[in-house]
Amino acid sequence: MPRRDVALLSIGSLVLLLTLAVFFVVFGRQSEGPTLAELGGQFQLVDTEGGVVTQDELIGKPTLLFFGFTYCPDVCPNTLFKLSRLIQQLGPQADQFNYLFVSLDWQRDGPEQLARYLSVFDERIRGLSGNEAQIDAMADAYQVQYERVSLGQGDYTLSHTAATYLLDREGNVVGTLAYDVEPEFAKAPLISLLSSS
């Protein structure tokens, strides 16, 4: 076999091996994560009126669940404005869902702060807060990643998971909406969720 063909064959084999290695690393890591059916569970938080809210209150309606914080500069207000538009586009069917905004900022976001913040969005979006142990427990249950990031002089922000979780009428996680999905594209999966659960 000519030397040039041997070199090309060697390069081709190396590329194939590297491709397979990347494939197994990427998909191997994905298979280690929890499935949707493994997410969620019992929680106990308080709403903007100070009332206790648990997982049991979600039963009976599909739920859209988003985690964020009121000092969030962009992801949270963008998501909540899109959710408000989606609620309007759903029309009368919008009342057949629960809409929850859970604050991950257990230090700054209490019921009153959440009530002020949510007053500019659709009134059907319900704000929930809790202490550190309650928020950490719920974040763990839903595999929500969040981390405090210092801004200096005692100030801080949070980096956090930006997806919106979709729960069926029994409170099971059945899917997510990506942060950048527009309301007109999110409507179809919600109608499907409404008819299937």
Protein backbone atom coordinates (compact mmCIF):
# COMPACT_ATOMS: atom_id res chain seq x y z
CA MET A 1 0.00 0.00 0.00
CA PRO A 2 1.43 3.41 -0.93
CA ARG A 3 2.80 5.47 1.98
CA ARG A 4 0.29 8.29 1.25
CA ASP A 5 -2.68 5.88 1.58
CA VAL A 6 -1.31 4.53 4.87
CA ALA A 7 -1.06 8.08 6.23
CA LEU A 8 -4.63 8.92 5.15
CA LEU A 9 -5.91 5.69 6.67
CA SER A 10 -4.14 6.48 9.94
CA ILE A 11 -5.57 10.01 10.07
CA GLY A 12 -9.04 8.68 9.27
CA SER A 13 -8.79 6.11 12.05
CA LEU A 14 -7.65 8.77 14.52
CA VAL A 15 -10.55 11.05 13.61
CA LEU A 16 -12.99 8.16 14.03
CA LEU A 17 -11.58 7.30 17.47
CA LEU A 18 -11.77 10.93 18.62
CA THR A 19 -15.37 11.19 17.37
CA LEU A 20 -16.35 8.04 19.24
CA ALA A 21 -14.60 9.29 22.39
CA VAL A 22 -16.50 12.61 22.28
CA PHE A 23 -19.77 10.72 21.61
CA PHE A 24 -19.34 8.46 24.63
CA VAL A 25 -18.25 11.32 26.91
CA VAL A 26 -21.24 13.51 25.95
CA PHE A 27 -23.91 10.81 25.96
CA GLY A 28 -22.36 8.95 28.86
CA ARG A 29 -22.69 12.07 31.01
CA GLN A 30 -26.28 12.60 29.91
CA SER A 31 -27.23 9.07 30.88
CA GLU A 32 -25.86 9.68 34.40
CA GLY A 33 -28.37 12.49 35.03
CA PRO A 34 -31.82 11.91 36.50
CA THR A 35 -34.77 11.22 34.24
CA LEU A 36 -37.77 13.55 34.31
CA ALA A 37 -39.68 10.95 36.32
CA GLU A 38 -37.05 11.19 39.07
CA LEU A 39 -37.47 14.98 39.50
CA GLY A 40 -39.75 16.72 41.95
CA GLY A 41 -41.24 15.70 45.23
CA GLN A 42 -42.77 17.12 48.36
CA PHE A 43 -42.01 20.71 49.37
CA GLN A 44 -43.30 23.28 51.82
CA LEU A 45 -43.00 26.99 51.04
CA VAL A 46 -45.03 30.16 51.67
CA ASP A 47 -46.88 32.31 49.14
CA THR A 48 -47.08 36.12 48.98
CA GLU A 49 -49.91 36.12 51.53
CA GLY A 50 -47.83 34.09 53.99
CA GLY A 51 -49.89 30.92 53.46
CA VAL A 52 -48.20 27.53 53.45
CA VAL A 53 -48.04 25.85 50.02
CA THR A 54 -47.13 22.21 49.47
CA GLN A 55 -46.83 19.88 46.51
CA ASP A 56 -50.35 18.62 47.24
CA GLU A 57 -51.87 21.97 46.18
CA LEU A 58 -50.64 21.40 42.62
CA ILE A 59 -52.65 18.24 42.17
CA GLY A 60 -55.52 18.58 39.73
CA LYS A 61 -53.99 21.11 37.32
CA PRO A 62 -50.86 21.01 35.15
CA THR A 63 -48.19 23.37 36.48
CA LEU A 64 -45.53 25.66 35.02
CA LEU A 65 -42.74 26.02 37.58
CA PHE A 66 -39.89 28.51 37.30
CA PHE A 67 -37.02 29.15 39.75
CA GLY A 68 -35.39 32.59 39.99
CA PHE A 69 -35.07 35.64 42.25
CA THR A 70 -36.44 39.17 42.32
CA TYR A 71 -33.06 40.91 41.96
CA CYS A 72 -32.39 38.97 38.74
CA PRO A 73 -31.39 41.49 36.05
CA ASP A 74 -32.56 39.70 32.93
CA VAL A 75 -33.44 35.97 32.85
CA CYS A 76 -36.26 36.14 35.42
CA PRO A 77 -38.05 39.26 34.16
CA ASN A 78 -37.72 38.04 30.56
CA THR A 79 -39.15 34.64 31.47
CA LEU A 80 -42.00 36.12 33.51
CA PHE A 81 -42.93 38.60 30.76
CA LYS A 82 -42.96 35.73 28.24
CA LEU A 83 -45.02 33.63 30.65
CA SER A 84 -47.47 36.52 31.04
CA ARG A 85 -47.81 36.75 27.24
CA LEU A 86 -48.27 32.98 27.05
CA ILE A 87 -51.05 33.14 29.66
CA GLN A 88 -52.81 35.80 27.59
CA GLN A 89 -52.44 33.70 24.42
CA LEU A 90 -53.94 30.67 26.14
CA GLY A 91 -57.16 32.60 26.72
CA PRO A 92 -59.76 30.79 28.87
CA GLN A 93 -57.54 27.67 28.95
CA ALA A 94 -54.96 29.61 30.98
CA ASP A 95 -57.07 29.14 34.11
CA GLN A 96 -56.57 25.38 33.86
CA PHE A 97 -52.89 25.69 34.87
CA ASN A 98 -50.91 26.58 38.00
CA TYR A 99 -48.07 29.11 37.50
CA LEU A 100 -45.36 29.18 40.18
CA PHE A 101 -42.30 31.39 40.59
CA VAL A 102 -40.06 30.02 43.34
CA SER A 103 -37.39 32.39 44.65
CA LEU A 104 -33.97 30.86 45.20
CA ASP A 105 -32.88 33.99 47.10
CA TRP A 106 -33.91 32.89 50.59
CA GLN A 107 -32.05 35.84 52.14
CA ARG A 108 -33.76 38.74 50.34
CA ASP A 109 -37.03 37.43 48.89
CA GLY A 110 -39.80 37.09 51.43
CA PRO A 111 -43.55 37.20 50.75
CA GLU A 112 -43.76 41.03 50.62
CA GLN A 113 -40.80 41.41 48.26
CA LEU A 114 -42.22 38.71 45.98
CA ALA A 115 -45.65 40.37 45.97
CA ARG A 116 -44.14 43.72 44.90
CA TYR A 117 -42.02 42.09 42.22
CA LEU A 118 -44.79 39.96 40.71
CA SER A 119 -47.29 42.84 40.62
CA VAL A 120 -46.07 43.83 37.14
CA PHE A 121 -46.66 40.35 35.67
CA ASP A 122 -49.83 38.32 35.14
CA GLU A 123 -51.64 38.05 38.46
CA ARG A 124 -52.02 34.29 38.06
CA ILE A 125 -48.27 33.79 38.59
CA ARG A 126 -47.91 32.80 42.24
CA GLY A 127 -44.72 33.61 44.13
CA LEU A 128 -43.26 31.19 46.66
CA SER A 129 -40.39 31.62 49.09
CA GLY A 130 -38.83 29.76 52.00
CA ASN A 131 -35.85 29.49 54.28
CA GLU A 132 -32.46 28.12 53.21
CA ALA A 133 -33.27 24.50 54.07
CA GLN A 134 -36.64 24.61 52.29
CA ILE A 135 -35.22 26.20 49.13
CA ASP A 136 -32.21 23.86 49.04
CA ALA A 137 -34.48 20.84 49.45
CA MET A 138 -36.71 21.90 46.57
CA ALA A 139 -33.74 22.82 44.36
CA ASP A 140 -32.27 19.38 45.01
CA ALA A 141 -35.57 17.68 44.23
CA TYR A 142 -35.84 19.43 40.87
CA GLN A 143 -32.08 19.33 40.15
CA VAL A 144 -32.02 23.13 39.95
CA GLN A 145 -28.50 24.52 39.91
CA TYR A 146 -27.97 27.85 41.64
CA GLU A 147 -24.95 29.62 43.01
CA ARG A 148 -24.38 32.88 44.83
CA VAL A 149 -21.98 35.18 42.94
CA SER A 150 -20.40 38.10 44.81
CA LEU A 151 -20.65 41.56 43.24
CA GLY A 152 -18.47 43.14 45.93
CA GLN A 153 -19.27 45.35 48.92
CA GLY A 154 -21.63 42.71 50.31
CA ASP A 155 -23.84 42.65 47.23
CA TYR A 156 -24.46 39.49 45.24
CA THR A 157 -26.41 37.95 42.39
CA LEU A 158 -27.39 34.35 41.63
CA SER A 159 -26.63 32.19 38.64
CA HIS A 160 -29.36 29.59 38.23
CA THR A 161 -31.14 27.10 36.02
CA ALA A 162 -33.33 29.01 33.56
CA ALA A 163 -35.70 26.34 32.27
CA THR A 164 -39.39 26.25 33.16
CA TYR A 165 -40.59 22.86 34.42
CA LEU A 166 -43.86 21.35 33.18
CA LEU A 167 -45.78 19.18 35.64
CA ASP A 168 -48.85 17.10 34.86
CA ARG A 169 -52.05 17.07 36.93
CA GLU A 170 -50.49 14.58 39.36
CA GLY A 171 -47.47 16.82 39.99
CA ASN A 172 -45.03 14.73 37.96
CA VAL A 173 -42.37 16.52 35.91
CA VAL A 174 -43.08 15.69 32.25
CA GLY A 175 -40.93 18.23 30.40
CA THR A 176 -39.32 21.67 30.37
CA LEU A 177 -39.56 24.86 28.36
CA ALA A 178 -36.20 26.32 27.35
CA TYR A 179 -35.40 29.87 28.43
CA ASP A 180 -35.37 31.21 24.88
CA VAL A 181 -38.63 29.64 23.69
CA GLU A 182 -41.18 32.21 22.50
CA PRO A 183 -44.79 32.06 23.79
CA GLU A 184 -46.23 31.16 20.37
CA PHE A 185 -44.06 28.02 20.33
CA ALA A 186 -44.74 27.13 23.96
CA LYS A 187 -48.51 27.14 23.53
CA ALA A 188 -48.72 23.83 21.62
CA PRO A 189 -46.97 21.68 24.24
CA LEU A 190 -49.15 23.20 26.94
CA ILE A 191 -52.35 22.40 25.06
CA SER A 192 -51.01 18.88 24.56
CA LEU A 193 -50.24 18.63 28.28
CA LEU A 194 -53.75 19.81 29.09
CA SER A 195 -55.36 17.17 26.91
CA SER A 196 -53.07 14.31 27.91
CA SER A 197 -53.08 14.64 31.66
